[in-house]
Amino acid sequence: MKRFSLLFVFLVLFLLTPESTQAWNYAGHRVIASIAWDQLTPETQTAMIALLKQHPRFEQDFQSRMPEVIRKASPAVQDRWLFMRAATWPDIARSFKEADREKYHHGTWHYINQPIYLDTASEQALSSNLPVNTARSIRPEDDPLQFNILQALEYNVAQMTAPAVSPADKALALCWIMHLTGDSHQPLHSSALFSKGSFPEGDRGGNSIRIGKSNLHAQWDGLLGNSFKDSEIVSQAVGLARDPALKQLGEQATKNLNYAVWIDESHALAKSAGYTQLILDAVKQNDAPQNEFIKLTALPAEYYRSAGTIAAKRAAQSGWRLAAVINGFQ
């Protein structure tokens, strides 16, 4: 595990350039999906690929986007590619135009802004009237378009298990379940920093804290790499899954498939390893209403070593949990 951790840290430091903003939005989600794919039963694999082919945009967003090297490969390679593609589809929907974007893109579904307060004064001033949706389940009055990640997971799992739901809608639900399971294990998708001055409405999961030319959220999104090469992504997933300590961690994680627990785990990590004292001190020094963004030049290598180790563990937990959820649909 020690040797793996060192190699992983070097990989993180190499890949985590300021422009690296795609990871948990592309490569990271595909790594998690590839880990999950290998934990599915053969019957479930077949059923999920058949379902994805009922996706209302299968031709536009899946079939026509399959790389030539995958088209020439075996059906097994093609099926893995389709499954990994599904995990990224909710982010692909961000780029749709007009009516399709309105229909398929749901920005609030990707996160929940559970509060982390800059100090006691901020908590006392803000906690009684937070302008964010922190509900832990669906309430009768909730608008589905404004669901947070916990509500969206609950909704989409219900879609997958309801007999009256069409195969096309189940395919959409599967994509969201895959994606949101990954997002729920990224610590900064669980939390937001609130302060009286700069962030009375939260820092948007670290998006408002600048790190060089990037931001804190993007730094965490980049921890699983930003490769667009499928062979590299699959190799990375295999490496994570075969690590004995991570494999054991993933298997243990399947004992708790409560989405709220996943978010609480991420929230605790956001507190302990995301918003470190260095970051909190920088916010305190500049906490004023006119400061829309807090700016730091860089973060120390130790921050990335800790975050990289966490990312590897969360990928394993997410991959095994995702497989357990999907296997349960059969």
Protein backbone atom coordinates (compact mmCIF):
# COMPACT_ATOMS: atom_id res chain seq x y z
CA MET A 1 0.00 0.00 0.00
CA LYS A 2 2.88 2.38 0.82
CA ARG A 3 4.49 1.83 -2.59
CA PHE A 4 1.15 2.35 -4.32
CA SER A 5 0.48 5.54 -2.36
CA LEU A 6 3.82 7.06 -3.37
CA LEU A 7 3.24 6.24 -7.02
CA PHE A 8 -0.25 7.65 -6.83
CA VAL A 9 0.97 10.90 -5.28
CA PHE A 10 3.57 11.37 -8.02
CA LEU A 11 0.80 10.79 -10.59
CA VAL A 12 -1.41 13.36 -8.88
CA LEU A 13 1.32 15.99 -8.75
CA PHE A 14 2.07 15.40 -12.42
CA LEU A 15 -1.53 15.62 -13.59
CA LEU A 16 -2.85 18.32 -11.29
CA THR A 17 -2.01 21.35 -13.41
CA PRO A 18 -4.21 24.46 -13.15
CA GLU A 19 -6.02 23.40 -16.32
CA SER A 20 -6.91 19.97 -14.90
CA THR A 21 -10.64 20.38 -14.29
CA GLN A 22 -12.07 17.28 -15.96
CA ALA A 23 -11.10 14.46 -13.66
CA TRP A 24 -14.05 13.52 -11.48
CA ASN A 25 -16.10 14.91 -14.33
CA TYR A 26 -14.54 12.56 -16.90
CA ALA A 27 -11.56 10.33 -16.14
CA GLY A 28 -12.41 9.91 -12.47
CA HIS A 29 -15.99 8.92 -13.19
CA ARG A 30 -14.78 6.44 -15.79
CA VAL A 31 -12.23 4.97 -13.37
CA ILE A 32 -14.99 4.43 -10.80
CA ALA A 33 -17.30 2.94 -13.44
CA SER A 34 -14.57 0.57 -14.64
CA ILE A 35 -13.97 -0.63 -11.08
CA ALA A 36 -17.72 -1.19 -10.69
CA TRP A 37 -18.00 -3.00 -14.04
CA ASP A 38 -15.64 -5.73 -12.85
CA GLN A 39 -17.75 -6.28 -9.72
CA LEU A 40 -21.02 -6.74 -11.63
CA THR A 41 -22.35 -10.22 -12.31
CA PRO A 42 -22.26 -11.23 -15.99
CA GLU A 43 -26.06 -11.19 -16.03
CA THR A 44 -26.11 -7.64 -14.68
CA GLN A 45 -23.50 -6.50 -17.18
CA THR A 46 -25.63 -7.81 -20.04
CA ALA A 47 -28.80 -6.25 -18.64
CA MET A 48 -27.22 -2.82 -18.08
CA ILE A 49 -25.77 -2.62 -21.59
CA ALA A 50 -29.14 -3.63 -23.04
CA LEU A 51 -30.76 -0.89 -20.96
CA LEU A 52 -28.25 1.77 -22.00
CA LYS A 53 -29.08 1.02 -25.63
CA GLN A 54 -32.59 2.27 -24.81
CA HIS A 55 -31.20 5.67 -23.77
CA PRO A 56 -33.09 8.43 -25.65
CA ARG A 57 -29.78 9.87 -26.90
CA PHE A 58 -27.91 6.60 -27.37
CA GLU A 59 -27.04 7.27 -31.00
CA GLN A 60 -25.92 10.88 -30.48
CA ASP A 61 -24.07 10.55 -27.19
CA PHE A 62 -22.90 6.94 -27.12
CA GLN A 63 -22.79 5.07 -30.42
CA SER A 64 -21.58 7.92 -32.61
CA ARG A 65 -18.95 8.93 -30.03
CA MET A 66 -17.33 5.52 -29.73
CA PRO A 67 -13.66 5.82 -30.76
CA GLU A 68 -12.55 3.85 -33.78
CA VAL A 69 -10.13 1.78 -31.71
CA ILE A 70 -13.07 0.68 -29.52
CA ARG A 71 -15.27 -0.05 -32.55
CA LYS A 72 -12.61 -2.45 -33.80
CA ALA A 73 -12.24 -4.13 -30.42
CA SER A 74 -14.17 -7.03 -28.94
CA PRO A 75 -17.79 -6.72 -27.77
CA ALA A 76 -16.54 -6.96 -24.18
CA VAL A 77 -14.33 -3.89 -24.68
CA GLN A 78 -17.21 -2.04 -26.32
CA ASP A 79 -19.55 -2.88 -23.46
CA ARG A 80 -17.08 -1.58 -20.86
CA TRP A 81 -16.69 1.62 -22.88
CA LEU A 82 -20.47 2.15 -23.02
CA PHE A 83 -20.75 1.58 -19.28
CA MET A 84 -17.95 4.04 -18.52
CA ARG A 85 -19.47 6.54 -20.95
CA ALA A 86 -22.76 6.35 -19.03
CA ALA A 87 -21.02 7.53 -15.86
CA THR A 88 -20.01 10.76 -17.59
CA TRP A 89 -23.28 11.39 -19.43
CA PRO A 90 -24.80 13.79 -16.84
CA ASP A 91 -21.77 16.05 -17.35
CA ILE A 92 -22.05 15.69 -21.13
CA ALA A 93 -25.60 17.02 -20.79
CA ARG A 94 -24.17 20.32 -19.53
CA SER A 95 -23.14 21.16 -23.09
CA PHE A 96 -26.50 20.45 -24.74
CA LYS A 97 -28.26 23.29 -26.49
CA GLU A 98 -31.50 24.96 -25.42
CA ALA A 99 -34.39 22.50 -25.01
CA ASP A 100 -32.19 19.40 -24.60
CA ARG A 101 -30.08 21.12 -21.96
CA GLU A 102 -33.20 22.20 -20.09
CA LYS A 103 -34.58 18.66 -20.30
CA TYR A 104 -31.51 16.66 -19.34
CA HIS A 105 -29.13 18.90 -17.38
CA HIS A 106 -29.78 19.15 -13.64
CA GLY A 107 -27.05 21.24 -12.04
CA THR A 108 -28.19 21.00 -8.42
CA TRP A 109 -28.30 17.19 -8.54
CA HIS A 110 -24.50 16.92 -8.44
CA TYR A 111 -23.92 18.17 -4.88
CA ILE A 112 -25.22 19.14 -1.47
CA ASN A 113 -23.85 22.16 0.40
CA GLN A 114 -23.70 20.86 3.94
CA PRO A 115 -22.23 23.75 5.89
CA ILE A 116 -18.73 24.20 7.22
CA TYR A 117 -18.50 27.48 9.12
CA LEU A 118 -15.45 29.69 9.05
CA ASP A 119 -15.84 30.53 12.74
CA THR A 120 -18.34 30.62 15.59
CA ALA A 121 -19.51 34.10 14.66
CA SER A 122 -20.36 32.94 11.14
CA GLU A 123 -22.25 29.92 12.47
CA GLN A 124 -24.26 32.04 14.88
CA ALA A 125 -25.12 34.57 12.19
CA LEU A 126 -25.94 32.19 9.34
CA SER A 127 -26.98 28.76 10.62
CA SER A 128 -30.63 29.58 11.26
CA ASN A 129 -31.33 30.68 7.68
CA LEU A 130 -29.02 28.96 5.20
CA PRO A 131 -30.01 29.64 1.56
CA VAL A 132 -29.19 26.07 0.44
CA ASN A 133 -31.05 22.78 0.15
CA THR A 134 -29.61 20.40 2.75
CA ALA A 135 -32.57 17.99 2.85
CA ARG A 136 -31.54 14.37 3.31
CA SER A 137 -34.55 12.89 1.50
CA ILE A 138 -37.36 13.93 -0.83
CA ARG A 139 -40.14 15.98 0.75
CA PRO A 140 -43.62 16.40 -0.80
CA GLU A 141 -43.06 20.09 -1.52
CA ASP A 142 -39.67 19.65 -3.22
CA ASP A 143 -39.22 20.55 -6.88
CA PRO A 144 -37.29 17.77 -8.68
CA LEU A 145 -35.43 20.43 -10.66
CA GLN A 146 -33.96 21.66 -7.38
CA PHE A 147 -33.08 18.31 -5.82
CA ASN A 148 -29.70 17.98 -4.14
CA ILE A 149 -27.53 14.91 -4.65
CA LEU A 150 -29.19 12.86 -1.89
CA GLN A 151 -32.66 13.55 -3.24
CA ALA A 152 -31.52 12.89 -6.81
CA LEU A 153 -30.07 9.51 -5.85
CA GLU A 154 -33.28 8.58 -4.07
CA TYR A 155 -35.33 9.66 -7.08
CA ASN A 156 -33.28 7.84 -9.69
CA VAL A 157 -33.06 4.59 -7.73
CA ALA A 158 -36.86 4.73 -7.45
CA GLN A 159 -37.03 5.19 -11.23
CA MET A 160 -34.88 2.12 -11.77
CA THR A 161 -37.06 -0.05 -9.57
CA ALA A 162 -40.53 1.18 -10.62
CA PRO A 163 -42.25 -1.24 -13.05
CA ALA A 164 -44.19 1.53 -14.81
CA VAL A 165 -41.08 3.54 -15.77
CA SER A 166 -40.07 3.17 -19.43
CA PRO A 167 -36.72 1.60 -20.43
CA ALA A 168 -35.63 4.98 -21.83
CA ASP A 169 -36.22 6.69 -18.49
CA LYS A 170 -34.54 3.83 -16.64
CA ALA A 171 -31.49 4.29 -18.87
CA LEU A 172 -31.38 7.96 -17.91
CA ALA A 173 -31.73 7.01 -14.25
CA LEU A 174 -28.86 4.53 -14.53
CA CYS A 175 -26.55 7.24 -15.89
CA TRP A 176 -27.45 9.53 -13.02
CA ILE A 177 -27.00 6.83 -10.38
CA MET A 178 -23.55 6.03 -11.75
CA HIS A 179 -22.52 9.66 -11.87
CA LEU A 180 -23.95 10.72 -8.53
CA THR A 181 -22.46 7.75 -6.71
CA GLY A 182 -19.09 9.04 -7.89
CA ASP A 183 -19.88 12.65 -7.00
CA SER A 184 -21.08 11.67 -3.52
CA HIS A 185 -17.60 10.32 -2.75
CA GLN A 186 -15.81 13.54 -3.76
CA PRO A 187 -15.53 15.51 -0.49
CA LEU A 188 -16.18 18.93 -2.03
CA HIS A 189 -19.45 17.74 -3.57
CA SER A 190 -20.74 17.35 -0.01
CA SER A 191 -19.93 20.69 1.55
CA ALA A 192 -19.59 24.44 1.31
CA LEU A 193 -17.74 26.94 3.45
CA PHE A 194 -19.91 29.69 4.94
CA SER A 195 -18.64 32.99 6.34
CA LYS A 196 -20.24 36.27 7.35
CA GLY A 197 -18.18 38.29 4.90
CA SER A 198 -17.24 36.58 1.65
CA PHE A 199 -19.50 33.53 1.70
CA PRO A 200 -22.88 34.12 3.37
CA GLU A 201 -24.36 31.82 0.69
CA GLY A 202 -21.44 29.38 0.69
CA ASP A 203 -18.30 29.09 -1.43
CA ARG A 204 -19.92 26.64 -3.88
CA GLY A 205 -17.91 23.66 -2.74
CA GLY A 206 -14.58 25.44 -3.07
CA ASN A 207 -15.28 26.95 -6.50
CA SER A 208 -14.93 30.44 -5.00
CA ILE A 209 -11.50 29.77 -3.50
CA ARG A 210 -8.91 30.41 -6.19
CA ILE A 211 -5.72 28.34 -6.25
CA GLY A 212 -3.44 29.92 -8.81
CA LYS A 213 -5.36 29.87 -12.10
CA SER A 214 -7.66 27.13 -10.82
CA ASN A 215 -9.84 26.73 -7.72
CA LEU A 216 -10.10 24.43 -4.72
CA HIS A 217 -12.95 22.37 -6.15
CA ALA A 218 -11.09 21.78 -9.40
CA GLN A 219 -8.00 20.68 -7.49
CA TRP A 220 -10.04 17.92 -5.87
CA ASP A 221 -11.76 17.05 -9.14
CA GLY A 222 -8.30 16.51 -10.61
CA LEU A 223 -7.05 14.01 -8.08
CA LEU A 224 -7.93 10.92 -10.15
CA GLY A 225 -6.18 12.21 -13.25
CA ASN A 226 -7.40 13.78 -16.48
CA SER A 227 -6.60 11.22 -19.15
CA PHE A 228 -8.96 10.85 -22.08
CA LYS A 229 -7.32 7.60 -23.23
CA ASP A 230 -9.52 4.63 -22.40
CA SER A 231 -6.68 2.15 -22.04
CA GLU A 232 -5.00 4.38 -19.46
CA ILE A 233 -8.23 4.84 -17.54
CA VAL A 234 -8.94 1.11 -17.45
CA SER A 235 -5.36 0.38 -16.39
CA GLN A 236 -5.66 2.89 -13.57
CA ALA A 237 -8.93 1.30 -12.43
CA VAL A 238 -7.36 -2.16 -12.48
CA GLY A 239 -4.42 -0.90 -10.45
CA LEU A 240 -6.68 0.57 -7.81
CA ALA A 241 -8.93 -2.49 -7.65
CA ARG A 242 -6.01 -4.91 -7.32
CA ASP A 243 -4.36 -3.04 -4.47
CA PRO A 244 -5.08 -5.32 -1.47
CA ALA A 245 -5.82 -2.52 0.98
CA LEU A 246 -8.08 -0.65 -1.42
CA LYS A 247 -9.85 -3.85 -2.45
CA GLN A 248 -10.57 -4.61 1.20
CA LEU A 249 -11.77 -1.03 1.73
CA GLY A 250 -14.09 -1.29 -1.26
CA GLU A 251 -15.54 -4.58 -0.16
CA GLN A 252 -16.15 -3.25 3.34
CA ALA A 253 -17.85 -0.17 1.90
CA THR A 254 -20.61 -2.30 0.36
CA LYS A 255 -21.87 -3.05 3.86
CA ASN A 256 -23.32 0.47 3.95
CA LEU A 257 -25.34 1.53 0.91
CA ASN A 258 -27.04 4.46 2.63
CA TYR A 259 -26.39 7.51 0.41
CA ALA A 260 -26.54 9.86 3.41
CA VAL A 261 -23.66 7.95 5.00
CA TRP A 262 -21.60 8.41 1.84
CA ILE A 263 -22.20 12.15 2.00
CA ASP A 264 -21.43 12.28 5.71
CA GLU A 265 -18.13 10.51 5.04
CA SER A 266 -17.31 13.09 2.37
CA HIS A 267 -18.38 15.95 4.64
CA ALA A 268 -16.02 14.76 7.38
CA LEU A 269 -13.19 14.58 4.84
CA ALA A 270 -14.02 18.06 3.53
CA LYS A 271 -13.65 19.36 7.08
CA SER A 272 -10.45 17.51 7.91
CA ALA A 273 -8.58 17.49 4.59
CA GLY A 274 -10.39 19.85 2.21
CA TYR A 275 -10.74 23.06 4.19
CA THR A 276 -7.46 22.88 6.07
CA GLN A 277 -6.27 25.53 8.49
CA LEU A 278 -4.17 27.10 5.73
CA ILE A 279 -7.30 27.68 3.66
CA LEU A 280 -9.40 28.83 6.62
CA ASP A 281 -6.71 31.32 7.64
CA ALA A 282 -6.62 32.76 4.11
CA VAL A 283 -10.39 33.22 4.16
CA LYS A 284 -10.29 34.85 7.60
CA GLN A 285 -7.69 37.36 6.43
CA ASN A 286 -9.83 38.40 3.49
CA ASP A 287 -13.39 37.79 4.72
CA ALA A 288 -15.31 40.79 3.43
CA PRO A 289 -18.54 41.24 1.42
CA GLN A 290 -16.68 42.65 -1.59
CA ASN A 291 -14.47 39.54 -1.89
CA GLU A 292 -16.33 37.22 -4.25
CA PHE A 293 -13.22 35.03 -4.51
CA ILE A 294 -10.48 34.17 -2.03
CA LYS A 295 -7.12 33.77 -3.76
CA LEU A 296 -4.18 31.55 -2.82
CA THR A 297 -1.05 31.24 -4.94
CA ALA A 298 -0.61 27.52 -4.34
CA LEU A 299 -1.15 24.67 -1.90
CA PRO A 300 1.73 22.72 -0.30
CA ALA A 301 2.78 19.29 -1.54
CA GLU A 302 1.61 17.75 1.74
CA TYR A 303 -1.93 18.88 0.97
CA TYR A 304 -1.86 16.96 -2.31
CA ARG A 305 -0.29 13.89 -0.71
CA SER A 306 -3.16 13.71 1.75
CA ALA A 307 -5.80 14.50 -0.85
CA GLY A 308 -4.38 11.97 -3.32
CA THR A 309 -4.53 9.17 -0.78
CA ILE A 310 -8.12 10.11 0.04
CA ALA A 311 -9.08 10.17 -3.64
CA ALA A 312 -7.78 6.65 -4.19
CA LYS A 313 -9.74 5.36 -1.20
CA ARG A 314 -12.92 7.15 -2.25
CA ALA A 315 -12.64 5.77 -5.79
CA ALA A 316 -12.45 2.24 -4.41
CA GLN A 317 -15.37 2.76 -2.05
CA SER A 318 -17.42 4.37 -4.79
CA GLY A 319 -16.69 1.66 -7.35
CA TRP A 320 -17.63 -1.23 -5.08
CA ARG A 321 -20.71 0.56 -3.76
CA LEU A 322 -21.88 1.42 -7.27
CA ALA A 323 -21.62 -2.22 -8.29
CA ALA A 324 -23.56 -3.33 -5.22
CA VAL A 325 -26.36 -0.87 -5.99
CA ILE A 326 -26.58 -1.93 -9.64
CA ASN A 327 -26.37 -5.64 -8.87
CA GLY A 328 -29.34 -5.06 -6.60
CA PHE A 329 -31.49 -4.04 -9.56
CA GLN A 330 -31.41 -7.60 -10.94
